[in-house]
């Protein structure tokens, strides 16, 4: 829990869970703004990450219990956590750490484009 204060204002408490939820909602909105058809393919997992399934994801495109697609979540990092975009395709995965919500959206869009090109 962090406190935020500005000169002459009251101090308020910022809960990390709310910040993460807000950022996750911004990521979802950013993706839907750029690719409106994703609405049916984005799901929130039980761990709170976002999963975007590739359009051609079928039973034959799963590997080790994970479907081909893009997973966006938080990864513990030196006492904090950072956003990561994991692109899974044909039994391989690539992981990209992102410093901002905008970078997460860009990385996910790149992953979607590369899946369409394959």
PDB file of N, CA and C in Angstrom:
ATOM      1  N   UNK A   1       0.835  -1.156   0.000  1.00  0.00           N
ATOM      2  CA  UNK A   1       0.000   0.000   0.000  1.00  0.00           C
ATOM      3  C   UNK A   1       0.893   1.236   0.000  1.00  0.00           C
ATOM      4  N   UNK A   2       0.635   2.171  -0.896  1.00  0.00           N
ATOM      5  CA  UNK A   2       1.405   3.398  -0.991  1.00  0.00           C
ATOM      6  C   UNK A   2       0.513   4.568  -0.625  1.00  0.00           C
ATOM      7  N   UNK A   3       1.144   5.643  -0.185  1.00  0.00           N
ATOM      8  CA  UNK A   3       0.393   6.861   0.061  1.00  0.00           C
ATOM      9  C   UNK A   3       0.802   7.897  -0.963  1.00  0.00           C
ATOM     10  N   UNK A   4      -0.172   8.661  -1.376  1.00  0.00           N
ATOM     11  CA  UNK A   4       0.069   9.695  -2.366  1.00  0.00           C
ATOM     12  C   UNK A   4      -0.423  10.997  -1.775  1.00  0.00           C
ATOM     13  N   UNK A   5       0.387  12.017  -1.830  1.00  0.00           N
ATOM     14  CA  UNK A   5      -0.019  13.306  -1.318  1.00  0.00           C
ATOM     15  C   UNK A   5       0.537  14.426  -2.159  1.00  0.00           C
ATOM     16  N   UNK A   6      -0.181  15.499  -2.199  1.00  0.00           N
ATOM     17  CA  UNK A   6       0.254  16.683  -2.916  1.00  0.00           C
ATOM     18  C   UNK A   6       0.232  17.837  -1.921  1.00  0.00           C
ATOM     19  N   UNK A   7       1.106  18.813  -2.068  1.00  0.00           N
ATOM     20  CA  UNK A   7       1.097  19.943  -1.138  1.00  0.00           C
ATOM     21  C   UNK A   7      -0.294  20.554  -1.037  1.00  0.00           C
ATOM     22  N   UNK A   8      -0.762  20.717   0.174  1.00  0.00           N
ATOM     23  CA  UNK A   8      -2.062  21.328   0.408  1.00  0.00           C
ATOM     24  C   UNK A   8      -3.243  20.394   0.230  1.00  0.00           C
ATOM     25  N   UNK A   9      -2.994  19.125   0.025  1.00  0.00           N
ATOM     26  CA  UNK A   9      -4.105  18.189  -0.146  1.00  0.00           C
ATOM     27  C   UNK A   9      -4.029  17.097   0.908  1.00  0.00           C
ATOM     28  N   UNK A  10      -5.116  16.368   1.027  1.00  0.00           N
ATOM     29  CA  UNK A  10      -5.123  15.255   1.959  1.00  0.00           C
ATOM     30  C   UNK A  10      -4.348  14.100   1.364  1.00  0.00           C
ATOM     31  N   UNK A  11      -3.780  13.298   2.234  1.00  0.00           N
ATOM     32  CA  UNK A  11      -3.045  12.110   1.791  1.00  0.00           C
ATOM     33  C   UNK A  11      -4.053  10.990   1.594  1.00  0.00           C
ATOM     34  N   UNK A  12      -3.931  10.280   0.497  1.00  0.00           N
ATOM     35  CA  UNK A  12      -4.825   9.154   0.261  1.00  0.00           C
ATOM     36  C   UNK A  12      -3.992   7.892   0.099  1.00  0.00           C
ATOM     37  N   UNK A  13      -4.606   6.778   0.381  1.00  0.00           N
ATOM     38  CA  UNK A  13      -3.934   5.489   0.294  1.00  0.00           C
ATOM     39  C   UNK A  13      -4.249   4.865  -1.060  1.00  0.00           C
ATOM     40  N   UNK A  14      -3.217   4.384  -1.738  1.00  0.00           N
ATOM     41  CA  UNK A  14      -3.381   3.735  -3.039  1.00  0.00           C
ATOM     42  C   UNK A  14      -3.124   2.248  -2.857  1.00  0.00           C
ATOM     43  N   UNK A  15      -4.120   1.438  -3.135  1.00  0.00           N
ATOM     44  CA  UNK A  15      -3.985  -0.008  -3.012  1.00  0.00           C
ATOM     45  C   UNK A  15      -3.408  -0.575  -4.299  1.00  0.00           C
ATOM     46  N   UNK A  16      -2.320  -1.359  -4.219  1.00  0.00           N
ATOM     47  CA  UNK A  16      -1.708  -1.923  -5.426  1.00  0.00           C
ATOM     48  C   UNK A  16      -2.685  -2.738  -6.269  1.00  0.00           C
ATOM     49  N   UNK A  17      -3.624  -3.446  -5.638  1.00  0.00           N
ATOM     50  CA  UNK A  17      -4.579  -4.260  -6.391  1.00  0.00           C
ATOM     51  C   UNK A  17      -5.444  -3.388  -7.286  1.00  0.00           C
ATOM     52  N   UNK A  18      -5.839  -2.219  -6.779  1.00  0.00           N
ATOM     53  CA  UNK A  18      -6.661  -1.314  -7.579  1.00  0.00           C
ATOM     54  C   UNK A  18      -5.867  -0.751  -8.748  1.00  0.00           C
ATOM     55  N   UNK A  19      -4.601  -0.448  -8.508  1.00  0.00           N
ATOM     56  CA  UNK A  19      -3.750   0.073  -9.575  1.00  0.00           C
ATOM     57  C   UNK A  19      -3.587  -0.970 -10.674  1.00  0.00           C
ATOM     58  N   UNK A  20      -3.335  -2.212 -10.287  1.00  0.00           N
ATOM     59  CA  UNK A  20      -3.178  -3.290 -11.267  1.00  0.00           C
ATOM     60  C   UNK A  20      -4.478  -3.482 -12.035  1.00  0.00           C
ATOM     61  N   UNK A  21      -5.612  -3.474 -11.355  1.00  0.00           N
ATOM     62  CA  UNK A  21      -6.922  -3.633 -12.007  1.00  0.00           C
ATOM     63  C   UNK A  21      -7.137  -2.504 -13.012  1.00  0.00           C
ATOM     64  N   UNK A  22      -6.814  -1.279 -12.612  1.00  0.00           N
ATOM     65  CA  UNK A  22      -6.972  -0.122 -13.495  1.00  0.00           C
ATOM     66  C   UNK A  22      -6.079  -0.260 -14.732  1.00  0.00           C
ATOM     67  N   UNK A  23      -4.832  -0.670 -14.524  1.00  0.00           N
ATOM     68  CA  UNK A  23      -3.915  -0.859 -15.656  1.00  0.00           C
ATOM     69  C   UNK A  23      -4.404  -1.978 -16.569  1.00  0.00           C
ATOM     70  N   UNK A  24      -4.888  -3.065 -15.991  1.00  0.00           N
ATOM     71  CA  UNK A  24      -5.408  -4.176 -16.792  1.00  0.00           C
ATOM     72  C   UNK A  24      -6.596  -3.714 -17.637  1.00  0.00           C
ATOM     73  N   UNK A  25      -7.463  -2.903 -17.051  1.00  0.00           N
ATOM     74  CA  UNK A  25      -8.601  -2.379 -17.796  1.00  0.00           C
ATOM     75  C   UNK A  25      -8.141  -1.456 -18.926  1.00  0.00           C
ATOM     76  N   UNK A  26      -7.088  -0.677 -18.683  1.00  0.00           N
ATOM     77  CA  UNK A  26      -6.541   0.192 -19.734  1.00  0.00           C
ATOM     78  C   UNK A  26      -5.928  -0.635 -20.860  1.00  0.00           C
ATOM     79  N   UNK A  27      -5.277  -1.741 -20.509  1.00  0.00           N
ATOM     80  CA  UNK A  27      -4.695  -2.628 -21.530  1.00  0.00           C
ATOM     81  C   UNK A  27      -5.811  -3.218 -22.382  1.00  0.00           C
ATOM     82  N   UNK A  28      -6.840  -3.734 -21.737  1.00  0.00           N
ATOM     83  CA  UNK A  28      -7.978  -4.315 -22.469  1.00  0.00           C
ATOM     84  C   UNK A  28      -8.601  -3.260 -23.388  1.00  0.00           C
ATOM     85  N   UNK A  29      -8.837  -2.066 -22.865  1.00  0.00           N
ATOM     86  CA  UNK A  29      -9.443  -0.991 -23.664  1.00  0.00           C
ATOM     87  C   UNK A  29      -8.545  -0.612 -24.840  1.00  0.00           C
ATOM     88  N   UNK A  30      -7.239  -0.544 -24.621  1.00  0.00           N
ATOM     89  CA  UNK A  30      -6.307  -0.206 -25.689  1.00  0.00           C
ATOM     90  C   UNK A  30      -6.318  -1.235 -26.803  1.00  0.00           C
ATOM     91  N   UNK A  31      -6.392  -2.497 -26.436  1.00  0.00           N
ATOM     92  CA  UNK A  31      -6.457  -3.565 -27.434  1.00  0.00           C
ATOM     93  C   UNK A  31      -7.769  -3.513 -28.212  1.00  0.00           C
ATOM     94  N   UNK A  32      -8.873  -3.321 -27.502  1.00  0.00           N
ATOM     95  CA  UNK A  32     -10.176  -3.287 -28.163  1.00  0.00           C
ATOM     96  C   UNK A  32     -10.331  -2.062 -29.053  1.00  0.00           C
ATOM     97  N   UNK A  33      -9.703  -0.957 -28.675  1.00  0.00           N
ATOM     98  CA  UNK A  33      -9.753   0.252 -29.490  1.00  0.00           C
ATOM     99  C   UNK A  33      -9.085   0.017 -30.840  1.00  0.00           C
ATOM    100  N   UNK A  34      -7.971  -0.714 -30.821  1.00  0.00           N
ATOM    101  CA  UNK A  34      -7.212  -0.947 -32.052  1.00  0.00           C
ATOM    102  C   UNK A  34      -7.699  -2.162 -32.841  1.00  0.00           C
ATOM    103  N   UNK A  35      -8.261  -3.153 -32.149  1.00  0.00           N
ATOM    104  CA  UNK A  35      -8.764  -4.363 -32.811  1.00  0.00           C
ATOM    105  C   UNK A  35     -10.122  -4.714 -32.183  1.00  0.00           C
ATOM    106  N   UNK A  36     -11.194  -4.062 -32.641  1.00  0.00           N
ATOM    107  CA  UNK A  36     -12.510  -4.269 -32.014  1.00  0.00           C
ATOM    108  C   UNK A  36     -12.971  -5.726 -31.996  1.00  0.00           C
ATOM    109  N   UNK A  37     -12.570  -6.540 -32.944  1.00  0.00           N
ATOM    110  CA  UNK A  37     -12.993  -7.935 -32.996  1.00  0.00           C
ATOM    111  C   UNK A  37     -12.419  -8.813 -31.896  1.00  0.00           C
ATOM    112  N   UNK A  38     -11.517  -8.278 -31.094  1.00  0.00           N
ATOM    113  CA  UNK A  38     -10.901  -9.077 -30.024  1.00  0.00           C
ATOM    114  C   UNK A  38     -11.828  -9.319 -28.844  1.00  0.00           C
ATOM    115  N   UNK A  39     -12.902  -8.573 -28.762  1.00  0.00           N
ATOM    116  CA  UNK A  39     -13.760  -8.647 -27.577  1.00  0.00           C
ATOM    117  C   UNK A  39     -14.182 -10.076 -27.230  1.00  0.00           C
ATOM    118  N   UNK A  40     -14.455 -10.881 -28.234  1.00  0.00           N
ATOM    119  CA  UNK A  40     -14.881 -12.260 -27.997  1.00  0.00           C
ATOM    120  C   UNK A  40     -13.717 -13.177 -27.665  1.00  0.00           C
ATOM    121  N   UNK A  41     -12.477 -12.727 -27.903  1.00  0.00           N
ATOM    122  CA  UNK A  41     -11.319 -13.606 -27.710  1.00  0.00           C
ATOM    123  C   UNK A  41     -10.488 -13.271 -26.476  1.00  0.00           C
ATOM    124  N   UNK A  42     -10.809 -12.176 -25.786  1.00  0.00           N
ATOM    125  CA  UNK A  42     -10.056 -11.810 -24.581  1.00  0.00           C
ATOM    126  C   UNK A  42     -10.795 -12.349 -23.362  1.00  0.00           C
ATOM    127  N   UNK A  43     -10.066 -13.097 -22.543  1.00  0.00           N
ATOM    128  CA  UNK A  43     -10.632 -13.591 -21.285  1.00  0.00           C
ATOM    129  C   UNK A  43      -9.659 -13.275 -20.155  1.00  0.00           C
ATOM    130  N   UNK A  44     -10.202 -13.093 -18.975  1.00  0.00           N
ATOM    131  CA  UNK A  44      -9.367 -12.906 -17.796  1.00  0.00           C
ATOM    132  C   UNK A  44      -9.265 -14.250 -17.098  1.00  0.00           C
ATOM    133  N   UNK A  45      -8.031 -14.682 -16.839  1.00  0.00           N
ATOM    134  CA  UNK A  45      -7.814 -15.985 -16.212  1.00  0.00           C
ATOM    135  C   UNK A  45      -8.028 -15.891 -14.709  1.00  0.00           C
ATOM    136  N   UNK A  46      -8.029 -17.035 -14.048  1.00  0.00           N
ATOM    137  CA  UNK A  46      -8.222 -17.054 -12.595  1.00  0.00           C
ATOM    138  C   UNK A  46      -7.091 -16.335 -11.862  1.00  0.00           C
ATOM    139  N   UNK A  47      -5.911 -16.241 -12.494  1.00  0.00           N
ATOM    140  CA  UNK A  47      -4.793 -15.542 -11.858  1.00  0.00           C
ATOM    141  C   UNK A  47      -4.834 -14.041 -12.114  1.00  0.00           C
ATOM    142  N   UNK A  48      -5.782 -13.595 -12.945  1.00  0.00           N
ATOM    143  CA  UNK A  48      -5.913 -12.171 -13.217  1.00  0.00           C
ATOM    144  C   UNK A  48      -5.218 -11.713 -14.487  1.00  0.00           C
ATOM    145  N   UNK A  49      -4.564 -12.616 -15.191  1.00  0.00           N
ATOM    146  CA  UNK A  49      -3.923 -12.208 -16.444  1.00  0.00           C
ATOM    147  C   UNK A  49      -4.973 -12.185 -17.556  1.00  0.00           C
ATOM    148  N   UNK A  50      -4.636 -11.498 -18.648  1.00  0.00           N
ATOM    149  CA  UNK A  50      -5.506 -11.464 -19.815  1.00  0.00           C
ATOM    150  C   UNK A  50      -4.981 -12.475 -20.829  1.00  0.00           C
ATOM    151  N   UNK A  51      -5.871 -13.231 -21.418  1.00  0.00           N
ATOM    152  CA  UNK A  51      -5.492 -14.208 -22.429  1.00  0.00           C
ATOM    153  C   UNK A  51      -6.233 -13.864 -23.714  1.00  0.00           C
ATOM    154  N   UNK A  52      -5.473 -13.697 -24.795  1.00  0.00           N
ATOM    155  CA  UNK A  52      -6.040 -13.436 -26.115  1.00  0.00           C
ATOM    156  C   UNK A  52      -5.728 -14.651 -26.969  1.00  0.00           C
ATOM    157  N   UNK A  53      -6.750 -15.395 -27.318  1.00  0.00           N
ATOM    158  CA  UNK A  53      -6.541 -16.594 -28.142  1.00  0.00           C
ATOM    159  C   UNK A  53      -6.411 -16.189 -29.603  1.00  0.00           C
ATOM    160  N   UNK A  54      -5.533 -16.891 -30.310  1.00  0.00           N
ATOM    161  CA  UNK A  54      -5.386 -16.656 -31.733  1.00  0.00           C
ATOM    162  C   UNK A  54      -6.637 -17.173 -32.437  1.00  0.00           C
ATOM    163  N   UNK A  55      -7.034 -16.566 -33.555  1.00  0.00           N
ATOM    164  CA  UNK A  55      -8.273 -16.966 -34.237  1.00  0.00           C
ATOM    165  C   UNK A  55      -8.314 -18.442 -34.615  1.00  0.00           C
ATOM    166  N   UNK A  56      -7.200 -19.016 -35.001  1.00  0.00           N
ATOM    167  CA  UNK A  56      -7.181 -20.408 -35.442  1.00  0.00           C
ATOM    168  C   UNK A  56      -6.898 -21.375 -34.305  1.00  0.00           C
ATOM    169  N   UNK A  57      -7.000 -20.932 -33.051  1.00  0.00           N
ATOM    170  CA  UNK A  57      -6.708 -21.807 -31.912  1.00  0.00           C
ATOM    171  C   UNK A  57      -7.732 -22.931 -31.842  1.00  0.00           C
ATOM    172  N   UNK A  58      -7.242 -24.149 -31.989  1.00  0.00           N
ATOM    173  CA  UNK A  58      -8.101 -25.328 -31.926  1.00  0.00           C
ATOM    174  C   UNK A  58      -7.476 -26.316 -30.958  1.00  0.00           C
ATOM    175  N   UNK A  59      -8.101 -27.435 -30.778  1.00  0.00           N
ATOM    176  CA  UNK A  59      -7.567 -28.445 -29.861  1.00  0.00           C
ATOM    177  C   UNK A  59      -6.179 -28.904 -30.291  1.00  0.00           C
ATOM    178  N   UNK A  60      -5.893 -28.842 -31.574  1.00  0.00           N
ATOM    179  CA  UNK A  60      -4.600 -29.283 -32.061  1.00  0.00           C
ATOM    180  C   UNK A  60      -3.486 -28.272 -31.870  1.00  0.00           C
ATOM    181  N   UNK A  61      -3.816 -27.055 -31.389  1.00  0.00           N
ATOM    182  CA  UNK A  61      -2.783 -26.028 -31.250  1.00  0.00           C
ATOM    183  C   UNK A  61      -2.439 -25.760 -29.796  1.00  0.00           C
ATOM    184  N   UNK A  62      -2.669 -26.740 -28.952  1.00  0.00           N
ATOM    185  CA  UNK A  62      -2.308 -26.565 -27.554  1.00  0.00           C
ATOM    186  C   UNK A  62      -1.008 -27.268 -27.268  1.00  0.00           C
ATOM    187  N   UNK A  63      -0.306 -26.775 -26.253  1.00  0.00           N
ATOM    188  CA  UNK A  63       0.980 -27.359 -25.888  1.00  0.00           C
ATOM    189  C   UNK A  63       1.133 -27.278 -24.381  1.00  0.00           C
ATOM    190  N   UNK A  64       1.395 -28.370 -23.741  1.00  0.00           N
ATOM    191  CA  UNK A  64       1.625 -28.407 -22.294  1.00  0.00           C
ATOM    192  C   UNK A  64       0.513 -27.706 -21.523  1.00  0.00           C
ATOM    193  N   UNK A  65      -0.736 -27.880 -21.966  1.00  0.00           N
ATOM    194  CA  UNK A  65      -1.863 -27.303 -21.256  1.00  0.00           C
ATOM    195  C   UNK A  65      -2.128 -25.854 -21.568  1.00  0.00           C
ATOM    196  N   UNK A  66      -1.333 -25.226 -22.429  1.00  0.00           N
ATOM    197  CA  UNK A  66      -1.526 -23.827 -22.767  1.00  0.00           C
ATOM    198  C   UNK A  66      -1.894 -23.696 -24.232  1.00  0.00           C
ATOM    199  N   UNK A  67      -2.966 -22.971 -24.494  1.00  0.00           N
ATOM    200  CA  UNK A  67      -3.387 -22.753 -25.875  1.00  0.00           C
ATOM    201  C   UNK A  67      -2.497 -21.706 -26.519  1.00  0.00           C
ATOM    202  N   UNK A  68      -2.393 -21.791 -27.844  1.00  0.00           N
ATOM    203  CA  UNK A  68      -1.679 -20.755 -28.566  1.00  0.00           C
ATOM    204  C   UNK A  68      -2.418 -19.440 -28.382  1.00  0.00           C
ATOM    205  N   UNK A  69      -1.662 -18.404 -28.137  1.00  0.00           N
ATOM    206  CA  UNK A  69      -2.257 -17.092 -27.942  1.00  0.00           C
ATOM    207  C   UNK A  69      -1.298 -16.177 -27.212  1.00  0.00           C
ATOM    208  N   UNK A  70      -1.838 -15.090 -26.711  1.00  0.00           N
ATOM    209  CA  UNK A  70      -1.044 -14.093 -26.002  1.00  0.00           C
ATOM    210  C   UNK A  70      -1.573 -13.982 -24.584  1.00  0.00           C
ATOM    211  N   UNK A  71      -0.676 -14.073 -23.625  1.00  0.00           N
ATOM    212  CA  UNK A  71      -1.047 -13.896 -22.225  1.00  0.00           C
ATOM    213  C   UNK A  71      -0.357 -12.644 -21.705  1.00  0.00           C
ATOM    214  N   UNK A  72      -1.127 -11.797 -21.049  1.00  0.00           N
ATOM    215  CA  UNK A  72      -0.624 -10.546 -20.501  1.00  0.00           C
ATOM    216  C   UNK A  72      -0.819 -10.608 -18.997  1.00  0.00           C
ATOM    217  N   UNK A  73       0.263 -10.489 -18.259  1.00  0.00           N
ATOM    218  CA  UNK A  73       0.149 -10.582 -16.809  1.00  0.00           C
ATOM    219  C   UNK A  73       1.287  -9.885 -16.096  1.00  0.00           C
ATOM    220  N   UNK A  74       1.287 -10.022 -14.786  1.00  0.00           N
ATOM    221  CA  UNK A  74       2.304  -9.410 -13.946  1.00  0.00           C
ATOM    222  C   UNK A  74       3.293 -10.497 -13.535  1.00  0.00           C
ATOM    223  N   UNK A  75       4.580 -10.139 -13.549  1.00  0.00           N
ATOM    224  CA  UNK A  75       5.633 -11.062 -13.176  1.00  0.00           C
ATOM    225  C   UNK A  75       6.457 -10.431 -12.062  1.00  0.00           C
ATOM    226  N   UNK A  76       6.643 -11.137 -10.939  1.00  0.00           N
ATOM    227  CA  UNK A  76       7.465 -10.590  -9.854  1.00  0.00           C
ATOM    228  C   UNK A  76       8.857 -10.237 -10.372  1.00  0.00           C
ATOM    229  N   UNK A  77       9.345  -9.083  -9.918  1.00  0.00           N
ATOM    230  CA  UNK A  77      10.624  -8.590 -10.414  1.00  0.00           C
ATOM    231  C   UNK A  77      11.301  -7.730  -9.350  1.00  0.00           C
ATOM    232  N   UNK A  78      12.326  -8.271  -8.705  1.00  0.00           N
ATOM    233  CA  UNK A  78      13.133  -7.541  -7.715  1.00  0.00           C
ATOM    234  C   UNK A  78      12.296  -6.791  -6.678  1.00  0.00           C
ATOM    235  N   UNK A  79      11.410  -7.486  -6.039  1.00  0.00           N
ATOM    236  CA  UNK A  79      10.604  -6.884  -4.979  1.00  0.00           C
ATOM    237  C   UNK A  79       9.358  -6.185  -5.476  1.00  0.00           C
ATOM    238  N   UNK A  80       9.221  -6.017  -6.765  1.00  0.00           N
ATOM    239  CA  UNK A  80       8.031  -5.408  -7.359  1.00  0.00           C
ATOM    240  C   UNK A  80       7.446  -6.375  -8.358  1.00  0.00           C
ATOM    241  N   UNK A  81       6.796  -5.838  -9.349  1.00  0.00           N
ATOM    242  CA  UNK A  81       6.261  -6.663 -10.426  1.00  0.00           C
ATOM    243  C   UNK A  81       6.204  -5.821 -11.689  1.00  0.00           C
ATOM    244  N   UNK A  82       6.392  -6.467 -12.810  1.00  0.00           N
ATOM    245  CA  UNK A  82       6.300  -5.754 -14.078  1.00  0.00           C
ATOM    246  C   UNK A  82       5.345  -6.499 -14.995  1.00  0.00           C
ATOM    247  N   UNK A  83       4.786  -5.784 -15.964  1.00  0.00           N
ATOM    248  CA  UNK A  83       3.912  -6.398 -16.943  1.00  0.00           C
ATOM    249  C   UNK A  83       4.750  -7.186 -17.932  1.00  0.00           C
ATOM    250  N   UNK A  84       4.246  -8.339 -18.345  1.00  0.00           N
ATOM    251  CA  UNK A  84       4.897  -9.130 -19.381  1.00  0.00           C
ATOM    252  C   UNK A  84       3.850  -9.548 -20.409  1.00  0.00           C
ATOM    253  N   UNK A  85       4.314  -9.699 -21.638  1.00  0.00           N
ATOM    254  CA  UNK A  85       3.484 -10.213 -22.723  1.00  0.00           C
ATOM    255  C   UNK A  85       4.137 -11.515 -23.172  1.00  0.00           C
ATOM    256  N   UNK A  86       3.391 -12.611 -23.069  1.00  0.00           N
ATOM    257  CA  UNK A  86       3.895 -13.924 -23.466  1.00  0.00           C
ATOM    258  C   UNK A  86       3.128 -14.353 -24.713  1.00  0.00           C
ATOM    259  N   UNK A  87       3.863 -14.594 -25.790  1.00  0.00           N
ATOM    260  CA  UNK A  87       3.255 -15.060 -27.038  1.00  0.00           C
ATOM    261  C   UNK A  87       3.588 -16.537 -27.173  1.00  0.00           C
ATOM    262  N   UNK A  88       2.539 -17.379 -27.186  1.00  0.00           N
ATOM    263  CA  UNK A  88       2.710 -18.830 -27.337  1.00  0.00           C
ATOM    264  C   UNK A  88       2.194 -19.244 -28.702  1.00  0.00           C
ATOM    265  N   UNK A  89       3.057 -19.951 -29.434  1.00  0.00           N
ATOM    266  CA  UNK A  89       2.636 -20.443 -30.740  1.00  0.00           C
ATOM    267  C   UNK A  89       3.437 -21.679 -31.100  1.00  0.00           C
ATOM    268  N   UNK A  90       2.734 -22.720 -31.479  1.00  0.00           N
ATOM    269  CA  UNK A  90       3.329 -23.969 -31.943  1.00  0.00           C
ATOM    270  C   UNK A  90       4.385 -24.509 -30.979  1.00  0.00           C
ATOM    271  N   UNK A  91       4.055 -24.532 -29.697  1.00  0.00           N
ATOM    272  CA  UNK A  91       4.946 -25.115 -28.701  1.00  0.00           C
ATOM    273  C   UNK A  91       6.099 -24.224 -28.272  1.00  0.00           C
ATOM    274  N   UNK A  92       6.146 -23.001 -28.752  1.00  0.00           N
ATOM    275  CA  UNK A  92       7.208 -22.071 -28.371  1.00  0.00           C
ATOM    276  C   UNK A  92       6.588 -20.854 -27.701  1.00  0.00           C
ATOM    277  N   UNK A  93       7.381 -20.208 -26.882  1.00  0.00           N
ATOM    278  CA  UNK A  93       6.898 -19.004 -26.207  1.00  0.00           C
ATOM    279  C   UNK A  93       7.985 -17.940 -26.212  1.00  0.00           C
ATOM    280  N   UNK A  94       7.553 -16.701 -26.371  1.00  0.00           N
ATOM    281  CA  UNK A  94       8.470 -15.571 -26.217  1.00  0.00           C
ATOM    282  C   UNK A  94       7.892 -14.661 -25.150  1.00  0.00           C
ATOM    283  N   UNK A  95       8.766 -14.122 -24.322  1.00  0.00           N
ATOM    284  CA  UNK A  95       8.347 -13.283 -23.204  1.00  0.00           C
ATOM    285  C   UNK A  95       8.975 -11.906 -23.364  1.00  0.00           C
ATOM    286  N   UNK A  96       8.148 -10.884 -23.207  1.00  0.00           N
ATOM    287  CA  UNK A  96       8.660  -9.520 -23.288  1.00  0.00           C
ATOM    288  C   UNK A  96       8.201  -8.728 -22.072  1.00  0.00           C
ATOM    289  N   UNK A  97       9.158  -8.197 -21.327  1.00  0.00           N
ATOM    290  CA  UNK A  97       8.834  -7.324 -20.199  1.00  0.00           C
ATOM    291  C   UNK A  97       8.495  -5.948 -20.731  1.00  0.00           C
ATOM    292  N   UNK A  98       7.508  -5.326 -20.130  1.00  0.00           N
ATOM    293  CA  UNK A  98       7.053  -4.018 -20.596  1.00  0.00           C
ATOM    294  C   UNK A  98       7.075  -3.013 -19.453  1.00  0.00           C
ATOM    295  N   UNK A  99       7.498  -1.800 -19.760  1.00  0.00           N
ATOM    296  CA  UNK A  99       7.633  -0.758 -18.748  1.00  0.00           C
ATOM    297  C   UNK A  99       6.370   0.080 -18.583  1.00  0.00           C
ATOM    298  N   UNK A 100       5.446   0.001 -19.537  1.00  0.00           N
ATOM    299  CA  UNK A 100       4.240   0.828 -19.457  1.00  0.00           C
ATOM    300  C   UNK A 100       3.053   0.076 -20.064  1.00  0.00           C
ATOM    301  N   UNK A 101       1.872   0.582 -19.765  1.00  0.00           N
ATOM    302  CA  UNK A 101       0.651   0.003 -20.320  1.00  0.00           C
ATOM    303  C   UNK A 101       0.668   0.123 -21.844  1.00  0.00           C
ATOM    304  N   UNK A 102       1.126   1.252 -22.350  1.00  0.00           N
ATOM    305  CA  UNK A 102       1.187   1.467 -23.792  1.00  0.00           C
ATOM    306  C   UNK A 102       2.122   0.450 -24.455  1.00  0.00           C
ATOM    307  N   UNK A 103       3.232   0.154 -23.811  1.00  0.00           N
ATOM    308  CA  UNK A 103       4.167  -0.828 -24.358  1.00  0.00           C
ATOM    309  C   UNK A 103       3.553  -2.229 -24.355  1.00  0.00           C
ATOM    310  N   UNK A 104       2.756  -2.535 -23.342  1.00  0.00           N
ATOM    311  CA  UNK A 104       2.057  -3.829 -23.294  1.00  0.00           C
ATOM    312  C   UNK A 104       1.123  -3.947 -24.494  1.00  0.00           C
ATOM    313  N   UNK A 105       0.349  -2.901 -24.742  1.00  0.00           N
ATOM    314  CA  UNK A 105      -0.597  -2.922 -25.863  1.00  0.00           C
ATOM    315  C   UNK A 105       0.157  -3.084 -27.182  1.00  0.00           C
ATOM    316  N   UNK A 106       1.231  -2.324 -27.378  1.00  0.00           N
ATOM    317  CA  UNK A 106       2.017  -2.432 -28.618  1.00  0.00           C
ATOM    318  C   UNK A 106       2.589  -3.839 -28.787  1.00  0.00           C
ATOM    319  N   UNK A 107       3.138  -4.405 -27.711  1.00  0.00           N
ATOM    320  CA  UNK A 107       3.724  -5.748 -27.780  1.00  0.00           C
ATOM    321  C   UNK A 107       2.669  -6.798 -28.118  1.00  0.00           C
ATOM    322  N   UNK A 108       1.495  -6.681 -27.523  1.00  0.00           N
ATOM    323  CA  UNK A 108       0.417  -7.632 -27.810  1.00  0.00           C
ATOM    324  C   UNK A 108      -0.038  -7.503 -29.261  1.00  0.00           C
ATOM    325  N   UNK A 109      -0.137  -6.282 -29.769  1.00  0.00           N
ATOM    326  CA  UNK A 109      -0.541  -6.086 -31.165  1.00  0.00           C
ATOM    327  C   UNK A 109       0.491  -6.659 -32.120  1.00  0.00           C
ATOM    328  N   UNK A 110       1.768  -6.510 -31.808  1.00  0.00           N
ATOM    329  CA  UNK A 110       2.823  -7.105 -32.627  1.00  0.00           C
ATOM    330  C   UNK A 110       2.681  -8.627 -32.638  1.00  0.00           C
ATOM    331  N   UNK A 111       2.407  -9.218 -31.482  1.00  0.00           N
ATOM    332  CA  UNK A 111       2.196 -10.660 -31.400  1.00  0.00           C
ATOM    333  C   UNK A 111       1.010 -11.120 -32.229  1.00  0.00           C
ATOM    334  N   UNK A 112      -0.071 -10.340 -32.206  1.00  0.00           N
ATOM    335  CA  UNK A 112      -1.247 -10.690 -33.015  1.00  0.00           C
ATOM    336  C   UNK A 112      -0.922 -10.622 -34.500  1.00  0.00           C
ATOM    337  N   UNK A 113      -0.209  -9.572 -34.905  1.00  0.00           N
ATOM    338  CA  UNK A 113       0.170  -9.441 -36.319  1.00  0.00           C
ATOM    339  C   UNK A 113       1.054 -10.581 -36.772  1.00  0.00           C
ATOM    340  N   UNK A 114       2.015 -10.949 -35.927  1.00  0.00           N
ATOM    341  CA  UNK A 114       2.928 -12.033 -36.310  1.00  0.00           C
ATOM    342  C   UNK A 114       2.180 -13.362 -36.410  1.00  0.00           C
ATOM    343  N   UNK A 115       1.161 -13.559 -35.594  1.00  0.00           N
ATOM    344  CA  UNK A 115       0.374 -14.801 -35.666  1.00  0.00           C
ATOM    345  C   UNK A 115      -0.428 -14.842 -36.954  1.00  0.00           C
ATOM    346  N   UNK A 116      -0.933 -13.711 -37.395  1.00  0.00           N
ATOM    347  CA  UNK A 116      -1.695 -13.661 -38.648  1.00  0.00           C
ATOM    348  C   UNK A 116      -0.787 -13.912 -39.845  1.00  0.00           C
ATOM    349  N   UNK A 117       0.456 -13.439 -39.749  1.00  0.00           N
ATOM    350  CA  UNK A 117       1.406 -13.590 -40.856  1.00  0.00           C
ATOM    351  C   UNK A 117       1.911 -15.024 -40.986  1.00  0.00           C
ATOM    352  N   UNK A 118       1.846 -15.789 -39.888  1.00  0.00           N
ATOM    353  CA  UNK A 118       2.383 -17.160 -39.909  1.00  0.00           C
ATOM    354  C   UNK A 118       1.466 -18.110 -40.621  1.00  0.00           C
TER     355      UNK A 118
END
